[in-house]
Amino acid sequence: MRILGLDTSGKVASAAVLDTERDLLLASRTLYTERGHSQVILPMVQDMLAGCGLAAADIDCYAVSVGPGSYTGLRIGIAAVQGMAMVRETPCIGVSTLAAAAAMLTGDVPVLGIMHARAELFYAALFRGDRVTEDALLTLPALTELLAPYDRVLLVGDGAQELMRQYTGGTTLETVPAALRLPTAAGVCTAAAKMTPGAPQDLTASYLQAVNITKKGG
């Protein structure tokens, strides 16, 4: 099965194609961009597919990060995948942003997917090969309690450095190299390969908290 994955959950726009039968990442593009994801993600997909000699008809499944993450970014990624998938009713998979960040790491050391929400609040999920905890919005004391049973934990996600700054518990925390720290479409594809596809229209964002949008001047 060929999975085309997208990640637009943060400042990185990313696209990738994974061939699960050959266990081969056919293509991967990642761009840390100050431009809007809506301007770069579809041209990135088109260029990537052309570069590896594939067409949309060659894609068996689409996958996309569905949160937590940027409200606008998640909507852009989901809309892009739905638009591509609905042409042929291609199956789709929504992947946790935290799971996508953790998917590129293997081994017995626990991995914490972490994103900073605000102040002492973090989006977090713990993985050890498979998922240990569900995605949740946690306070720093709750995170400290979650990590307490472990001697050493690897941190992935854009909240890794902020947690390192605030954390005073006894567990040894380590950030992974920058190339592996942020969620990417390669991680989305890797996580999606273990999941069951659904219909494009069933994709929904997971914000983990109420989203307040205030219109300027309104």
C-alpha atoms as a PDB file:
ATOM      1  CA  MET A   1       0.000   0.000   0.000  1.00  0.00           C
ATOM      2  CA  ARG A   2       1.259   3.466  -0.885  1.00  0.00           C
ATOM      3  CA  ILE A   3       0.400   6.078   1.757  1.00  0.00           C
ATOM      4  CA  LEU A   4       0.693   9.788   1.008  1.00  0.00           C
ATOM      5  CA  GLY A   5       0.970  11.733   4.243  1.00  0.00           C
ATOM      6  CA  LEU A   6       0.824  15.440   5.103  1.00  0.00           C
ATOM      7  CA  ASP A   7       1.766  17.395   8.190  1.00  0.00           C
ATOM      8  CA  THR A   8       0.799  21.055   8.555  1.00  0.00           C
ATOM      9  CA  SER A   9       0.265  21.071  12.310  1.00  0.00           C
ATOM     10  CA  GLY A  10       3.025  23.592  13.089  1.00  0.00           C
ATOM     11  CA  LYS A  11       5.530  25.805  11.297  1.00  0.00           C
ATOM     12  CA  VAL A  12       6.769  22.897   9.189  1.00  0.00           C
ATOM     13  CA  ALA A  13       4.951  21.921   6.006  1.00  0.00           C
ATOM     14  CA  SER A  14       5.722  18.329   5.089  1.00  0.00           C
ATOM     15  CA  ALA A  15       4.689  15.669   2.579  1.00  0.00           C
ATOM     16  CA  ALA A  16       5.819  12.058   2.157  1.00  0.00           C
ATOM     17  CA  VAL A  17       4.965   8.795   0.411  1.00  0.00           C
ATOM     18  CA  LEU A  18       5.516   5.430   2.113  1.00  0.00           C
ATOM     19  CA  ASP A  19       5.328   2.061   0.337  1.00  0.00           C
ATOM     20  CA  THR A  20       4.325  -0.325   3.122  1.00  0.00           C
ATOM     21  CA  GLU A  21       4.785  -3.503   1.054  1.00  0.00           C
ATOM     22  CA  ARG A  22       8.442  -2.694   0.416  1.00  0.00           C
ATOM     23  CA  ASP A  23       8.857  -0.865   3.748  1.00  0.00           C
ATOM     24  CA  LEU A  24      10.341   1.997   1.757  1.00  0.00           C
ATOM     25  CA  LEU A  25       9.943   5.764   2.096  1.00  0.00           C
ATOM     26  CA  LEU A  26       9.633   6.718  -1.560  1.00  0.00           C
ATOM     27  CA  ALA A  27       9.751  10.476  -1.066  1.00  0.00           C
ATOM     28  CA  SER A  28       9.795  13.082   1.689  1.00  0.00           C
ATOM     29  CA  ARG A  29       9.722  16.866   1.537  1.00  0.00           C
ATOM     30  CA  THR A  30       9.883  19.171   4.557  1.00  0.00           C
ATOM     31  CA  LEU A  31       9.911  22.956   4.595  1.00  0.00           C
ATOM     32  CA  TYR A  32      10.138  25.239   7.618  1.00  0.00           C
ATOM     33  CA  THR A  33       8.143  28.090   6.177  1.00  0.00           C
ATOM     34  CA  GLU A  34       7.021  31.572   7.122  1.00  0.00           C
ATOM     35  CA  ARG A  35       4.515  31.439   4.255  1.00  0.00           C
ATOM     36  CA  GLY A  36       1.034  30.063   4.728  1.00  0.00           C
ATOM     37  CA  HIS A  37       0.778  26.270   4.473  1.00  0.00           C
ATOM     38  CA  SER A  38      -2.044  26.707   1.984  1.00  0.00           C
ATOM     39  CA  GLN A  39       0.428  28.258  -0.460  1.00  0.00           C
ATOM     40  CA  VAL A  40       3.056  25.547  -0.308  1.00  0.00           C
ATOM     41  CA  ILE A  41       1.545  22.167   0.559  1.00  0.00           C
ATOM     42  CA  LEU A  42      -0.217  21.199  -2.691  1.00  0.00           C
ATOM     43  CA  PRO A  43       2.630  22.374  -4.968  1.00  0.00           C
ATOM     44  CA  MET A  44       4.961  20.385  -2.696  1.00  0.00           C
ATOM     45  CA  VAL A  45       2.808  17.257  -3.166  1.00  0.00           C
ATOM     46  CA  GLN A  46       2.650  17.692  -6.934  1.00  0.00           C
ATOM     47  CA  ASP A  47       6.403  18.174  -7.216  1.00  0.00           C
ATOM     48  CA  MET A  48       7.095  15.217  -4.917  1.00  0.00           C
ATOM     49  CA  LEU A  49       4.848  12.830  -6.851  1.00  0.00           C
ATOM     50  CA  ALA A  50       6.315  13.929 -10.179  1.00  0.00           C
ATOM     51  CA  GLY A  51       9.814  13.459  -8.810  1.00  0.00           C
ATOM     52  CA  CYS A  52       9.229   9.814  -7.907  1.00  0.00           C
ATOM     53  CA  GLY A  53       7.166   9.006 -11.007  1.00  0.00           C
ATOM     54  CA  LEU A  54       3.808   8.650  -9.283  1.00  0.00           C
ATOM     55  CA  ALA A  55       0.349  10.043  -9.975  1.00  0.00           C
ATOM     56  CA  ALA A  56      -2.602  10.531  -7.642  1.00  0.00           C
ATOM     57  CA  ALA A  57      -4.089   7.291  -8.994  1.00  0.00           C
ATOM     58  CA  ASP A  58      -1.080   5.407  -7.572  1.00  0.00           C
ATOM     59  CA  ILE A  59      -1.916   6.436  -3.996  1.00  0.00           C
ATOM     60  CA  ASP A  60      -3.849   3.817  -2.001  1.00  0.00           C
ATOM     61  CA  CYS A  61      -4.379   5.847   1.172  1.00  0.00           C
ATOM     62  CA  TYR A  62      -3.961   9.412   2.427  1.00  0.00           C
ATOM     63  CA  ALA A  63      -2.902  10.314   5.948  1.00  0.00           C
ATOM     64  CA  VAL A  64      -2.721  13.647   7.743  1.00  0.00           C
ATOM     65  CA  SER A  65      -1.873  14.962  11.188  1.00  0.00           C
ATOM     66  CA  VAL A  66      -5.134  15.934  12.914  1.00  0.00           C
ATOM     67  CA  GLY A  67      -3.845  17.515  16.103  1.00  0.00           C
ATOM     68  CA  PRO A  68      -3.059  18.838  18.480  1.00  0.00           C
ATOM     69  CA  GLY A  69      -1.526  21.780  16.677  1.00  0.00           C
ATOM     70  CA  SER A  70      -2.200  25.051  14.921  1.00  0.00           C
ATOM     71  CA  TYR A  71      -5.918  25.600  14.363  1.00  0.00           C
ATOM     72  CA  THR A  72      -5.384  26.990  10.862  1.00  0.00           C
ATOM     73  CA  GLY A  73      -2.614  24.541   9.972  1.00  0.00           C
ATOM     74  CA  LEU A  74      -4.664  21.484  10.892  1.00  0.00           C
ATOM     75  CA  ARG A  75      -7.632  22.710   8.866  1.00  0.00           C
ATOM     76  CA  ILE A  76      -5.401  23.284   5.825  1.00  0.00           C
ATOM     77  CA  GLY A  77      -3.875  19.805   5.987  1.00  0.00           C
ATOM     78  CA  ILE A  78      -7.205  18.048   6.491  1.00  0.00           C
ATOM     79  CA  ALA A  79      -8.863  20.027   3.696  1.00  0.00           C
ATOM     80  CA  ALA A  80      -5.976  19.259   1.317  1.00  0.00           C
ATOM     81  CA  VAL A  81      -6.178  15.524   2.001  1.00  0.00           C
ATOM     82  CA  GLN A  82      -9.957  15.462   1.711  1.00  0.00           C
ATOM     83  CA  GLY A  83      -9.779  17.327  -1.580  1.00  0.00           C
ATOM     84  CA  MET A  84      -7.298  14.837  -3.048  1.00  0.00           C
ATOM     85  CA  ALA A  85      -8.987  11.753  -1.607  1.00  0.00           C
ATOM     86  CA  MET A  86     -12.571  12.521  -2.553  1.00  0.00           C
ATOM     87  CA  VAL A  87     -11.770  12.496  -6.277  1.00  0.00           C
ATOM     88  CA  ARG A  88     -11.464   8.683  -6.155  1.00  0.00           C
ATOM     89  CA  GLU A  89     -12.918   8.062  -2.662  1.00  0.00           C
ATOM     90  CA  THR A  90      -9.450   7.010  -1.547  1.00  0.00           C
ATOM     91  CA  PRO A  91      -9.352   5.899   2.125  1.00  0.00           C
ATOM     92  CA  CYS A  92      -7.884   8.293   4.691  1.00  0.00           C
ATOM     93  CA  ILE A  93      -6.295   8.108   8.134  1.00  0.00           C
ATOM     94  CA  GLY A  94      -6.114  10.863  10.733  1.00  0.00           C
ATOM     95  CA  VAL A  95      -2.931  10.654  12.817  1.00  0.00           C
ATOM     96  CA  SER A  96      -2.189  12.278  16.160  1.00  0.00           C
ATOM     97  CA  THR A  97       0.527  14.909  15.790  1.00  0.00           C
ATOM     98  CA  LEU A  98       2.183  13.512  18.915  1.00  0.00           C
ATOM     99  CA  ALA A  99       2.115   9.977  17.492  1.00  0.00           C
ATOM    100  CA  ALA A 100       3.626  11.242  14.238  1.00  0.00           C
ATOM    101  CA  ALA A 101       6.482  12.865  16.163  1.00  0.00           C
ATOM    102  CA  ALA A 102       7.156   9.663  18.125  1.00  0.00           C
ATOM    103  CA  ALA A 103       6.786   7.270  15.178  1.00  0.00           C
ATOM    104  CA  MET A 104      10.311   7.806  13.848  1.00  0.00           C
ATOM    105  CA  LEU A 105      11.922   6.528  17.064  1.00  0.00           C
ATOM    106  CA  THR A 106      12.170   2.848  17.947  1.00  0.00           C
ATOM    107  CA  GLY A 107      13.571   1.012  20.930  1.00  0.00           C
ATOM    108  CA  ASP A 108      12.703   0.344  24.550  1.00  0.00           C
ATOM    109  CA  VAL A 109      13.293   3.864  25.882  1.00  0.00           C
ATOM    110  CA  PRO A 110       9.971   5.670  26.526  1.00  0.00           C
ATOM    111  CA  VAL A 111       9.237   8.576  24.185  1.00  0.00           C
ATOM    112  CA  LEU A 112       7.154  11.580  25.205  1.00  0.00           C
ATOM    113  CA  GLY A 113       5.460  13.513  22.422  1.00  0.00           C
ATOM    114  CA  ILE A 114       5.185  17.042  23.787  1.00  0.00           C
ATOM    115  CA  MET A 115       3.811  20.363  22.545  1.00  0.00           C
ATOM    116  CA  HIS A 116       3.728  23.537  24.603  1.00  0.00           C
ATOM    117  CA  ALA A 117       0.213  24.979  24.931  1.00  0.00           C
ATOM    118  CA  ARG A 118       0.846  27.901  27.277  1.00  0.00           C
ATOM    119  CA  ALA A 119       2.510  28.608  30.630  1.00  0.00           C
ATOM    120  CA  GLU A 120       2.648  25.244  32.488  1.00  0.00           C
ATOM    121  CA  LEU A 121       0.233  23.469  30.132  1.00  0.00           C
ATOM    122  CA  PHE A 122       1.437  20.914  27.589  1.00  0.00           C
ATOM    123  CA  TYR A 123      -0.138  18.577  25.064  1.00  0.00           C
ATOM    124  CA  ALA A 124       1.471  15.211  25.731  1.00  0.00           C
ATOM    125  CA  ALA A 125       1.333  11.471  25.082  1.00  0.00           C
ATOM    126  CA  LEU A 126       3.727   8.734  26.148  1.00  0.00           C
ATOM    127  CA  PHE A 127       4.896   5.954  23.833  1.00  0.00           C
ATOM    128  CA  ARG A 128       7.027   2.851  24.346  1.00  0.00           C
ATOM    129  CA  GLY A 129       6.914   1.052  21.040  1.00  0.00           C
ATOM    130  CA  ASP A 130       3.126   1.369  21.143  1.00  0.00           C
ATOM    131  CA  ARG A 131       1.049   4.091  22.750  1.00  0.00           C
ATOM    132  CA  VAL A 132       1.108   4.139  26.579  1.00  0.00           C
ATOM    133  CA  THR A 133      -1.190   7.122  27.207  1.00  0.00           C
ATOM    134  CA  GLU A 134      -3.764   8.989  25.146  1.00  0.00           C
ATOM    135  CA  ASP A 135      -3.176  12.549  23.948  1.00  0.00           C
ATOM    136  CA  ALA A 136      -4.034  14.952  26.751  1.00  0.00           C
ATOM    137  CA  LEU A 137      -3.660  18.547  27.870  1.00  0.00           C
ATOM    138  CA  LEU A 138      -1.603  18.267  31.073  1.00  0.00           C
ATOM    139  CA  THR A 139      -0.215  20.584  33.706  1.00  0.00           C
ATOM    140  CA  LEU A 140       3.464  20.449  34.601  1.00  0.00           C
ATOM    141  CA  PRO A 141       2.720  18.642  37.926  1.00  0.00           C
ATOM    142  CA  ALA A 142       0.626  16.045  36.048  1.00  0.00           C
ATOM    143  CA  LEU A 143       3.459  15.523  33.560  1.00  0.00           C
ATOM    144  CA  THR A 144       5.957  15.143  36.396  1.00  0.00           C
ATOM    145  CA  GLU A 145       3.740  12.438  37.910  1.00  0.00           C
ATOM    146  CA  LEU A 146       3.385  10.705  34.535  1.00  0.00           C
ATOM    147  CA  LEU A 147       7.156  10.560  34.037  1.00  0.00           C
ATOM    148  CA  ALA A 148       8.050   9.597  37.609  1.00  0.00           C
ATOM    149  CA  PRO A 149       8.119   5.775  37.056  1.00  0.00           C
ATOM    150  CA  TYR A 150      10.783   6.087  34.347  1.00  0.00           C
ATOM    151  CA  ASP A 151      14.542   6.617  34.713  1.00  0.00           C
ATOM    152  CA  ARG A 152      14.976   8.085  31.225  1.00  0.00           C
ATOM    153  CA  VAL A 153      12.575   9.530  28.655  1.00  0.00           C
ATOM    154  CA  LEU A 154      13.215  10.885  25.149  1.00  0.00           C
ATOM    155  CA  LEU A 155      11.373  14.071  24.161  1.00  0.00           C
ATOM    156  CA  VAL A 156       9.970  14.795  20.696  1.00  0.00           C
ATOM    157  CA  GLY A 157       7.769  17.643  19.530  1.00  0.00           C
ATOM    158  CA  ASP A 158       8.082  21.406  19.552  1.00  0.00           C
ATOM    159  CA  GLY A 159       7.536  21.549  23.321  1.00  0.00           C
ATOM    160  CA  ALA A 160      10.636  19.499  24.151  1.00  0.00           C
ATOM    161  CA  GLN A 161      12.937  22.392  24.973  1.00  0.00           C
ATOM    162  CA  GLU A 162      10.277  24.244  26.970  1.00  0.00           C
ATOM    163  CA  LEU A 163       9.591  21.160  29.084  1.00  0.00           C
ATOM    164  CA  MET A 164      13.332  20.764  29.674  1.00  0.00           C
ATOM    165  CA  ARG A 165      13.408  24.367  30.901  1.00  0.00           C
ATOM    166  CA  GLN A 166      10.487  23.947  33.319  1.00  0.00           C
ATOM    167  CA  TYR A 167      10.945  20.352  34.503  1.00  0.00           C
ATOM    168  CA  THR A 168      12.356  19.732  38.004  1.00  0.00           C
ATOM    169  CA  GLY A 169      11.438  16.041  38.477  1.00  0.00           C
ATOM    170  CA  GLY A 170      13.792  13.117  38.930  1.00  0.00           C
ATOM    171  CA  THR A 171      13.478  11.492  35.486  1.00  0.00           C
ATOM    172  CA  THR A 172      16.332  12.117  33.055  1.00  0.00           C
ATOM    173  CA  LEU A 173      14.883  13.890  30.021  1.00  0.00           C
ATOM    174  CA  GLU A 174      16.721  13.971  26.693  1.00  0.00           C
ATOM    175  CA  THR A 175      15.834  15.825  23.527  1.00  0.00           C
ATOM    176  CA  VAL A 176      16.477  14.001  20.268  1.00  0.00           C
ATOM    177  CA  PRO A 177      18.426  15.601  17.375  1.00  0.00           C
ATOM    178  CA  ALA A 178      16.623  18.430  15.592  1.00  0.00           C
ATOM    179  CA  ALA A 179      16.081  16.324  12.459  1.00  0.00           C
ATOM    180  CA  LEU A 180      13.925  13.899  14.472  1.00  0.00           C
ATOM    181  CA  ARG A 181      12.325  16.287  16.940  1.00  0.00           C
ATOM    182  CA  LEU A 182       9.387  17.753  15.017  1.00  0.00           C
ATOM    183  CA  PRO A 183       6.443  15.849  13.529  1.00  0.00           C
ATOM    184  CA  THR A 184       6.783  15.291   9.796  1.00  0.00           C
ATOM    185  CA  ALA A 185       4.804  13.606   7.054  1.00  0.00           C
ATOM    186  CA  ALA A 186       7.216  10.651   7.194  1.00  0.00           C
ATOM    187  CA  GLY A 187       6.115  10.136  10.801  1.00  0.00           C
ATOM    188  CA  VAL A 188       2.478  10.542   9.770  1.00  0.00           C
ATOM    189  CA  CYS A 189       2.897   7.790   7.174  1.00  0.00           C
ATOM    190  CA  THR A 190       4.760   5.523   9.608  1.00  0.00           C
ATOM    191  CA  ALA A 191       2.064   5.864  12.269  1.00  0.00           C
ATOM    192  CA  ALA A 192      -0.732   5.507   9.704  1.00  0.00           C
ATOM    193  CA  ALA A 193       0.691   2.187   8.468  1.00  0.00           C
ATOM    194  CA  LYS A 194      -0.455   0.605  11.750  1.00  0.00           C
ATOM    195  CA  MET A 195      -3.958   2.092  11.609  1.00  0.00           C
ATOM    196  CA  THR A 196      -7.240   1.306   9.854  1.00  0.00           C
ATOM    197  CA  PRO A 197      -8.306   3.710   7.067  1.00  0.00           C
ATOM    198  CA  GLY A 198     -11.701   5.384   6.957  1.00  0.00           C
ATOM    199  CA  ALA A 199     -13.642   7.684   4.663  1.00  0.00           C
ATOM    200  CA  PRO A 200     -12.282  11.136   3.710  1.00  0.00           C
ATOM    201  CA  GLN A 201     -15.310  12.906   5.186  1.00  0.00           C
ATOM    202  CA  ASP A 202     -14.650  11.321   8.580  1.00  0.00           C
ATOM    203  CA  LEU A 203     -11.404  13.241   9.108  1.00  0.00           C
ATOM    204  CA  THR A 204     -11.740  15.732  11.968  1.00  0.00           C
ATOM    205  CA  ALA A 205      -9.257  17.865  13.887  1.00  0.00           C
ATOM    206  CA  SER A 206      -8.435  17.103  17.518  1.00  0.00           C
ATOM    207  CA  TYR A 207      -7.612  20.328  19.362  1.00  0.00           C
ATOM    208  CA  LEU A 208      -7.809  18.890  22.922  1.00  0.00           C
ATOM    209  CA  GLN A 209      -9.190  22.187  24.211  1.00  0.00           C
ATOM    210  CA  ALA A 210     -11.771  24.762  23.240  1.00  0.00           C
ATOM    211  CA  VAL A 211     -10.560  27.031  20.464  1.00  0.00           C
ATOM    212  CA  ASN A 212     -11.373  30.701  20.864  1.00  0.00           C
ATOM    213  CA  ILE A 213     -11.253  32.794  17.713  1.00  0.00           C
ATOM    214  CA  THR A 214     -11.651  36.553  18.040  1.00  0.00           C
ATOM    215  CA  LYS A 215     -12.155  38.561  14.921  1.00  0.00           C
ATOM    216  CA  LYS A 216     -10.206  41.806  15.021  1.00  0.00           C
ATOM    217  CA  GLY A 217     -12.471  44.791  15.070  1.00  0.00           C
ATOM    218  CA  GLY A 218     -15.456  42.550  15.857  1.00  0.00           C
END
